[in-house]
Amino acid sequence: VLALAAGIMVLAALYQLSDAIQVVSACALRGMKITKPVLFITLIAYWPIGFGLGAVLGLTDWLVPAMGVKGFWT
């Protein structure tokens, strides 16, 4: 469990950088009363792209050998 958690912690740290940029950008646009584009971009980025690619990387061997948990975080 410790080895798996250590590998995920590195990916989680990298995720924090991109997530911080996304949150600050979304809040800045919300402050300017621009909310619909943010909704649609976030919806598409998280569900079809993010979750779909995570499932492909984590569970299948279509692109690379199945990566398990690290595939979802990637």
PDB file of N, CA and C in Angstrom:
ATOM      1  N   VAL A   1       0.828  -1.186   0.000  1.00  0.00           N
ATOM      2  CA  VAL A   1       0.000   0.000   0.000  1.00  0.00           C
ATOM      3  C   VAL A   1       0.875   1.254   0.000  1.00  0.00           C
ATOM      4  N   LEU A   2       1.960   1.227   0.760  1.00  0.00           N
ATOM      5  CA  LEU A   2       2.846   2.387   0.818  1.00  0.00           C
ATOM      6  C   LEU A   2       3.479   2.696  -0.540  1.00  0.00           C
ATOM      7  N   ALA A   3       3.892   1.682  -1.261  1.00  0.00           N
ATOM      8  CA  ALA A   3       4.515   1.910  -2.571  1.00  0.00           C
ATOM      9  C   ALA A   3       3.499   2.481  -3.550  1.00  0.00           C
ATOM     10  N   LEU A   4       2.279   1.956  -3.536  1.00  0.00           N
ATOM     11  CA  LEU A   4       1.223   2.464  -4.417  1.00  0.00           C
ATOM     12  C   LEU A   4       0.880   3.906  -4.056  1.00  0.00           C
ATOM     13  N   ALA A   5       0.770   4.194  -2.770  1.00  0.00           N
ATOM     14  CA  ALA A   5       0.443   5.558  -2.328  1.00  0.00           C
ATOM     15  C   ALA A   5       1.558   6.539  -2.684  1.00  0.00           C
ATOM     16  N   ALA A   6       2.806   6.123  -2.597  1.00  0.00           N
ATOM     17  CA  ALA A   6       3.923   7.016  -2.932  1.00  0.00           C
ATOM     18  C   ALA A   6       3.898   7.373  -4.413  1.00  0.00           C
ATOM     19  N   GLY A   7       3.591   6.417  -5.268  1.00  0.00           N
ATOM     20  CA  GLY A   7       3.496   6.700  -6.695  1.00  0.00           C
ATOM     21  C   GLY A   7       2.347   7.624  -7.027  1.00  0.00           C
ATOM     22  N   ILE A   8       1.256   7.457  -6.330  1.00  0.00           N
ATOM     23  CA  ILE A   8       0.090   8.306  -6.565  1.00  0.00           C
ATOM     24  C   ILE A   8       0.331   9.720  -6.035  1.00  0.00           C
ATOM     25  N   MET A   9       1.098   9.848  -4.955  1.00  0.00           N
ATOM     26  CA  MET A   9       1.369  11.172  -4.388  1.00  0.00           C
ATOM     27  C   MET A   9       2.120  12.063  -5.372  1.00  0.00           C
ATOM     28  N   VAL A  10       3.022  11.496  -6.141  1.00  0.00           N
ATOM     29  CA  VAL A  10       3.747  12.272  -7.150  1.00  0.00           C
ATOM     30  C   VAL A  10       2.760  12.768  -8.206  1.00  0.00           C
ATOM     31  N   LEU A  11       1.877  11.896  -8.675  1.00  0.00           N
ATOM     32  CA  LEU A  11       0.881  12.299  -9.666  1.00  0.00           C
ATOM     33  C   LEU A  11      -0.091  13.317  -9.088  1.00  0.00           C
ATOM     34  N   ALA A  12      -0.458  13.160  -7.830  1.00  0.00           N
ATOM     35  CA  ALA A  12      -1.366  14.114  -7.189  1.00  0.00           C
ATOM     36  C   ALA A  12      -0.722  15.490  -7.058  1.00  0.00           C
ATOM     37  N   ALA A  13       0.573  15.532  -6.799  1.00  0.00           N
ATOM     38  CA  ALA A  13       1.275  16.817  -6.704  1.00  0.00           C
ATOM     39  C   ALA A  13       1.289  17.522  -8.056  1.00  0.00           C
ATOM     40  N   LEU A  14       1.502  16.780  -9.127  1.00  0.00           N
ATOM     41  CA  LEU A  14       1.461  17.368 -10.469  1.00  0.00           C
ATOM     42  C   LEU A  14       0.057  17.840 -10.817  1.00  0.00           C
ATOM     43  N   TYR A  15      -0.940  17.077 -10.367  1.00  0.00           N
ATOM     44  CA  TYR A  15      -2.325  17.453 -10.612  1.00  0.00           C
ATOM     45  C   TYR A  15      -2.667  18.778  -9.923  1.00  0.00           C
ATOM     46  N   GLN A  16      -2.095  19.018  -8.764  1.00  0.00           N
ATOM     47  CA  GLN A  16      -2.384  20.246  -8.023  1.00  0.00           C
ATOM     48  C   GLN A  16      -2.004  21.492  -8.809  1.00  0.00           C
ATOM     49  N   LEU A  17      -0.927  21.418  -9.579  1.00  0.00           N
ATOM     50  CA  LEU A  17      -0.495  22.572 -10.377  1.00  0.00           C
ATOM     51  C   LEU A  17      -1.530  22.924 -11.442  1.00  0.00           C
ATOM     52  N   SER A  18      -1.948  21.937 -12.216  1.00  0.00           N
ATOM     53  CA  SER A  18      -2.933  22.224 -13.267  1.00  0.00           C
ATOM     54  C   SER A  18      -4.287  22.569 -12.669  1.00  0.00           C
ATOM     55  N   ASP A  19      -4.646  21.962 -11.559  1.00  0.00           N
ATOM     56  CA  ASP A  19      -5.928  22.257 -10.934  1.00  0.00           C
ATOM     57  C   ASP A  19      -5.954  23.677 -10.373  1.00  0.00           C
ATOM     58  N   ALA A  20      -4.840  24.142  -9.842  1.00  0.00           N
ATOM     59  CA  ALA A  20      -4.776  25.514  -9.319  1.00  0.00           C
ATOM     60  C   ALA A  20      -4.984  26.525 -10.438  1.00  0.00           C
ATOM     61  N   ILE A  21      -4.379  26.283 -11.585  1.00  0.00           N
ATOM     62  CA  ILE A  21      -4.571  27.178 -12.729  1.00  0.00           C
ATOM     63  C   ILE A  21      -6.032  27.176 -13.169  1.00  0.00           C
ATOM     64  N   GLN A  22      -6.644  26.007 -13.196  1.00  0.00           N
ATOM     65  CA  GLN A  22      -8.044  25.894 -13.613  1.00  0.00           C
ATOM     66  C   GLN A  22      -8.970  26.612 -12.640  1.00  0.00           C
ATOM     67  N   VAL A  23      -8.749  26.459 -11.355  1.00  0.00           N
ATOM     68  CA  VAL A  23      -9.618  27.072 -10.349  1.00  0.00           C
ATOM     69  C   VAL A  23      -9.499  28.592 -10.388  1.00  0.00           C
ATOM     70  N   VAL A  24      -8.281  29.104 -10.458  1.00  0.00           N
ATOM     71  CA  VAL A  24      -8.088  30.555 -10.507  1.00  0.00           C
ATOM     72  C   VAL A  24      -8.712  31.138 -11.767  1.00  0.00           C
ATOM     73  N   SER A  25      -8.532  30.467 -12.900  1.00  0.00           N
ATOM     74  CA  SER A  25      -9.114  30.947 -14.159  1.00  0.00           C
ATOM     75  C   SER A  25     -10.640  30.924 -14.103  1.00  0.00           C
ATOM     76  N   ALA A  26     -11.206  29.845 -13.588  1.00  0.00           N
ATOM     77  CA  ALA A  26     -12.659  29.745 -13.496  1.00  0.00           C
ATOM     78  C   ALA A  26     -13.234  30.806 -12.567  1.00  0.00           C
ATOM     79  N   CYS A  27     -12.563  31.051 -11.454  1.00  0.00           N
ATOM     80  CA  CYS A  27     -13.051  32.070 -10.522  1.00  0.00           C
ATOM     81  C   CYS A  27     -12.921  33.475 -11.112  1.00  0.00           C
ATOM     82  N   ALA A  28     -11.864  33.728 -11.861  1.00  0.00           N
ATOM     83  CA  ALA A  28     -11.720  35.033 -12.512  1.00  0.00           C
ATOM     84  C   ALA A  28     -12.839  35.243 -13.530  1.00  0.00           C
ATOM     85  N   LEU A  29     -13.145  34.217 -14.306  1.00  0.00           N
ATOM     86  CA  LEU A  29     -14.235  34.337 -15.269  1.00  0.00           C
ATOM     87  C   LEU A  29     -15.585  34.465 -14.567  1.00  0.00           C
ATOM     88  N   ARG A  30     -15.749  33.770 -13.453  1.00  0.00           N
ATOM     89  CA  ARG A  30     -16.993  33.888 -12.690  1.00  0.00           C
ATOM     90  C   ARG A  30     -17.160  35.303 -12.169  1.00  0.00           C
ATOM     91  N   GLY A  31     -16.070  35.923 -11.769  1.00  0.00           N
ATOM     92  CA  GLY A  31     -16.112  37.311 -11.308  1.00  0.00           C
ATOM     93  C   GLY A  31     -16.530  38.279 -12.404  1.00  0.00           C
ATOM     94  N   MET A  32     -16.237  37.913 -13.657  1.00  0.00           N
ATOM     95  CA  MET A  32     -16.638  38.750 -14.792  1.00  0.00           C
ATOM     96  C   MET A  32     -18.009  38.335 -15.334  1.00  0.00           C
ATOM     97  N   LYS A  33     -18.696  37.458 -14.595  1.00  0.00           N
ATOM     98  CA  LYS A  33     -20.031  36.962 -14.951  1.00  0.00           C
ATOM     99  C   LYS A  33     -20.027  36.156 -16.254  1.00  0.00           C
ATOM    100  N   ILE A  34     -18.933  35.464 -16.528  1.00  0.00           N
ATOM    101  CA  ILE A  34     -18.830  34.566 -17.675  1.00  0.00           C
ATOM    102  C   ILE A  34     -18.802  33.148 -17.114  1.00  0.00           C
ATOM    103  N   THR A  35     -19.957  32.479 -17.093  1.00  0.00           N
ATOM    104  CA  THR A  35     -20.023  31.177 -16.442  1.00  0.00           C
ATOM    105  C   THR A  35     -20.344  30.021 -17.385  1.00  0.00           C
ATOM    106  N   LYS A  36     -21.090  30.256 -18.451  1.00  0.00           N
ATOM    107  CA  LYS A  36     -21.480  29.136 -19.317  1.00  0.00           C
ATOM    108  C   LYS A  36     -20.303  28.485 -20.027  1.00  0.00           C
ATOM    109  N   PRO A  37     -19.370  29.240 -20.615  1.00  0.00           N
ATOM    110  CA  PRO A  37     -18.232  28.557 -21.244  1.00  0.00           C
ATOM    111  C   PRO A  37     -17.428  27.716 -20.254  1.00  0.00           C
ATOM    112  N   VAL A  38     -17.276  28.218 -19.038  1.00  0.00           N
ATOM    113  CA  VAL A  38     -16.541  27.468 -18.019  1.00  0.00           C
ATOM    114  C   VAL A  38     -17.264  26.164 -17.707  1.00  0.00           C
ATOM    115  N   LEU A  39     -18.568  26.209 -17.600  1.00  0.00           N
ATOM    116  CA  LEU A  39     -19.361  25.014 -17.333  1.00  0.00           C
ATOM    117  C   LEU A  39     -19.144  23.974 -18.421  1.00  0.00           C
ATOM    118  N   PHE A  40     -19.262  24.373 -19.676  1.00  0.00           N
ATOM    119  CA  PHE A  40     -19.157  23.418 -20.772  1.00  0.00           C
ATOM    120  C   PHE A  40     -17.741  22.872 -20.918  1.00  0.00           C
ATOM    121  N   ILE A  41     -16.748  23.735 -20.779  1.00  0.00           N
ATOM    122  CA  ILE A  41     -15.363  23.267 -20.879  1.00  0.00           C
ATOM    123  C   ILE A  41     -15.051  22.290 -19.751  1.00  0.00           C
ATOM    124  N   THR A  42     -15.459  22.618 -18.538  1.00  0.00           N
ATOM    125  CA  THR A  42     -15.206  21.741 -17.394  1.00  0.00           C
ATOM    126  C   THR A  42     -15.951  20.422 -17.540  1.00  0.00           C
ATOM    127  N   LEU A  43     -17.198  20.476 -17.976  1.00  0.00           N
ATOM    128  CA  LEU A  43     -17.994  19.267 -18.154  1.00  0.00           C
ATOM    129  C   LEU A  43     -17.351  18.336 -19.166  1.00  0.00           C
ATOM    130  N   ILE A  44     -16.930  18.872 -20.295  1.00  0.00           N
ATOM    131  CA  ILE A  44     -16.322  18.041 -21.336  1.00  0.00           C
ATOM    132  C   ILE A  44     -14.938  17.553 -20.900  1.00  0.00           C
ATOM    133  N   ALA A  45     -14.161  18.418 -20.254  1.00  0.00           N
ATOM    134  CA  ALA A  45     -12.809  18.038 -19.852  1.00  0.00           C
ATOM    135  C   ALA A  45     -12.815  16.950 -18.782  1.00  0.00           C
ATOM    136  N   TYR A  46     -13.742  17.016 -17.831  1.00  0.00           N
ATOM    137  CA  TYR A  46     -13.754  16.030 -16.753  1.00  0.00           C
ATOM    138  C   TYR A  46     -14.364  14.707 -17.178  1.00  0.00           C
ATOM    139  N   TRP A  47     -15.527  14.724 -17.805  1.00  0.00           N
ATOM    140  CA  TRP A  47     -16.227  13.473 -18.063  1.00  0.00           C
ATOM    141  C   TRP A  47     -15.774  12.748 -19.317  1.00  0.00           C
ATOM    142  N   PRO A  48     -16.050  13.221 -20.526  1.00  0.00           N
ATOM    143  CA  PRO A  48     -15.652  12.400 -21.677  1.00  0.00           C
ATOM    144  C   PRO A  48     -14.138  12.277 -21.843  1.00  0.00           C
ATOM    145  N   ILE A  49     -13.405  13.369 -21.653  1.00  0.00           N
ATOM    146  CA  ILE A  49     -11.968  13.318 -21.887  1.00  0.00           C
ATOM    147  C   ILE A  49     -11.239  12.727 -20.680  1.00  0.00           C
ATOM    148  N   GLY A  50     -11.391  13.341 -19.522  1.00  0.00           N
ATOM    149  CA  GLY A  50     -10.657  12.906 -18.341  1.00  0.00           C
ATOM    150  C   GLY A  50     -11.027  11.514 -17.862  1.00  0.00           C
ATOM    151  N   PHE A  51     -12.293  11.286 -17.645  1.00  0.00           N
ATOM    152  CA  PHE A  51     -12.716   9.980 -17.136  1.00  0.00           C
ATOM    153  C   PHE A  51     -12.556   8.901 -18.194  1.00  0.00           C
ATOM    154  N   GLY A  52     -12.876   9.236 -19.452  1.00  0.00           N
ATOM    155  CA  GLY A  52     -12.736   8.258 -20.533  1.00  0.00           C
ATOM    156  C   GLY A  52     -11.296   7.837 -20.746  1.00  0.00           C
ATOM    157  N   LEU A  53     -10.394   8.813 -20.815  1.00  0.00           N
ATOM    158  CA  LEU A  53      -8.983   8.493 -20.996  1.00  0.00           C
ATOM    159  C   LEU A  53      -8.424   7.782 -19.767  1.00  0.00           C
ATOM    160  N   GLY A  54      -8.874   8.171 -18.580  1.00  0.00           N
ATOM    161  CA  GLY A  54      -8.435   7.484 -17.366  1.00  0.00           C
ATOM    162  C   GLY A  54      -8.854   6.027 -17.358  1.00  0.00           C
ATOM    163  N   ALA A  55     -10.087   5.759 -17.804  1.00  0.00           N
ATOM    164  CA  ALA A  55     -10.553   4.376 -17.872  1.00  0.00           C
ATOM    165  C   ALA A  55      -9.759   3.579 -18.901  1.00  0.00           C
ATOM    166  N   VAL A  56      -9.464   4.201 -20.035  1.00  0.00           N
ATOM    167  CA  VAL A  56      -8.685   3.507 -21.067  1.00  0.00           C
ATOM    168  C   VAL A  56      -7.271   3.209 -20.559  1.00  0.00           C
ATOM    169  N   LEU A  57      -6.622   4.190 -19.947  1.00  0.00           N
ATOM    170  CA  LEU A  57      -5.264   3.980 -19.443  1.00  0.00           C
ATOM    171  C   LEU A  57      -5.235   3.028 -18.248  1.00  0.00           C
ATOM    172  N   GLY A  58      -6.229   3.122 -17.383  1.00  0.00           N
ATOM    173  CA  GLY A  58      -6.203   2.330 -16.158  1.00  0.00           C
ATOM    174  C   GLY A  58      -6.680   0.903 -16.312  1.00  0.00           C
ATOM    175  N   LEU A  59      -7.641   0.679 -17.200  1.00  0.00           N
ATOM    176  CA  LEU A  59      -8.292  -0.629 -17.247  1.00  0.00           C
ATOM    177  C   LEU A  59      -8.034  -1.449 -18.503  1.00  0.00           C
ATOM    178  N   THR A  60      -7.654  -0.810 -19.596  1.00  0.00           N
ATOM    179  CA  THR A  60      -7.498  -1.547 -20.846  1.00  0.00           C
ATOM    180  C   THR A  60      -6.046  -1.505 -21.313  1.00  0.00           C
ATOM    181  N   ASP A  61      -5.766  -2.261 -22.347  1.00  0.00           N
ATOM    182  CA  ASP A  61      -4.436  -2.208 -22.951  1.00  0.00           C
ATOM    183  C   ASP A  61      -4.520  -1.700 -24.386  1.00  0.00           C
ATOM    184  N   TRP A  62      -5.444  -0.779 -24.646  1.00  0.00           N
ATOM    185  CA  TRP A  62      -5.611  -0.227 -25.989  1.00  0.00           C
ATOM    186  C   TRP A  62      -4.441   0.653 -26.385  1.00  0.00           C
ATOM    187  N   LEU A  63      -3.999   1.538 -25.521  1.00  0.00           N
ATOM    188  CA  LEU A  63      -2.903   2.461 -25.835  1.00  0.00           C
ATOM    189  C   LEU A  63      -1.584   1.999 -25.234  1.00  0.00           C
ATOM    190  N   VAL A  64      -1.622   1.637 -23.981  1.00  0.00           N
ATOM    191  CA  VAL A  64      -0.463   1.134 -23.236  1.00  0.00           C
ATOM    192  C   VAL A  64      -0.962  -0.024 -22.377  1.00  0.00           C
ATOM    193  N   PRO A  65      -0.056  -0.830 -21.837  1.00  0.00           N
ATOM    194  CA  PRO A  65      -0.531  -1.865 -20.901  1.00  0.00           C
ATOM    195  C   PRO A  65      -1.311  -1.222 -19.749  1.00  0.00           C
ATOM    196  N   ALA A  66      -2.311  -1.918 -19.241  1.00  0.00           N
ATOM    197  CA  ALA A  66      -3.164  -1.384 -18.179  1.00  0.00           C
ATOM    198  C   ALA A  66      -2.314  -0.871 -17.011  1.00  0.00           C
ATOM    199  N   MET A  67      -2.543   0.399 -16.629  1.00  0.00           N
ATOM    200  CA  MET A  67      -1.728   1.045 -15.614  1.00  0.00           C
ATOM    201  C   MET A  67      -2.373   1.017 -14.225  1.00  0.00           C
ATOM    202  N   GLY A  68      -3.594   0.563 -14.135  1.00  0.00           N
ATOM    203  CA  GLY A  68      -4.261   0.523 -12.836  1.00  0.00           C
ATOM    204  C   GLY A  68      -4.592   1.914 -12.325  1.00  0.00           C
ATOM    205  N   VAL A  69      -4.363   2.121 -11.042  1.00  0.00           N
ATOM    206  CA  VAL A  69      -4.697   3.389 -10.395  1.00  0.00           C
ATOM    207  C   VAL A  69      -3.913   4.545 -11.016  1.00  0.00           C
ATOM    208  N   LYS A  70      -2.673   4.311 -11.366  1.00  0.00           N
ATOM    209  CA  LYS A  70      -1.850   5.372 -11.953  1.00  0.00           C
ATOM    210  C   LYS A  70      -2.409   5.828 -13.294  1.00  0.00           C
ATOM    211  N   GLY A  71      -3.072   4.947 -14.029  1.00  0.00           N
ATOM    212  CA  GLY A  71      -3.693   5.326 -15.284  1.00  0.00           C
ATOM    213  C   GLY A  71      -4.824   6.310 -15.087  1.00  0.00           C
ATOM    214  N   PHE A  72      -5.619   6.120 -14.048  1.00  0.00           N
ATOM    215  CA  PHE A  72      -6.688   7.058 -13.748  1.00  0.00           C
ATOM    216  C   PHE A  72      -6.128   8.425 -13.349  1.00  0.00           C
ATOM    217  N   TRP A  73      -5.086   8.438 -12.540  1.00  0.00           N
ATOM    218  CA  TRP A  73      -4.514   9.708 -12.094  1.00  0.00           C
ATOM    219  C   TRP A  73      -3.765  10.413 -13.214  1.00  0.00           C
ATOM    220  N   THR A  74      -3.222   9.655 -14.157  1.00  0.00           N
ATOM    221  CA  THR A  74      -2.523  10.285 -15.273  1.00  0.00           C
ATOM    222  C   THR A  74      -3.504  11.033 -16.140  1.00  0.00           C
TER     223      THR A  74
END
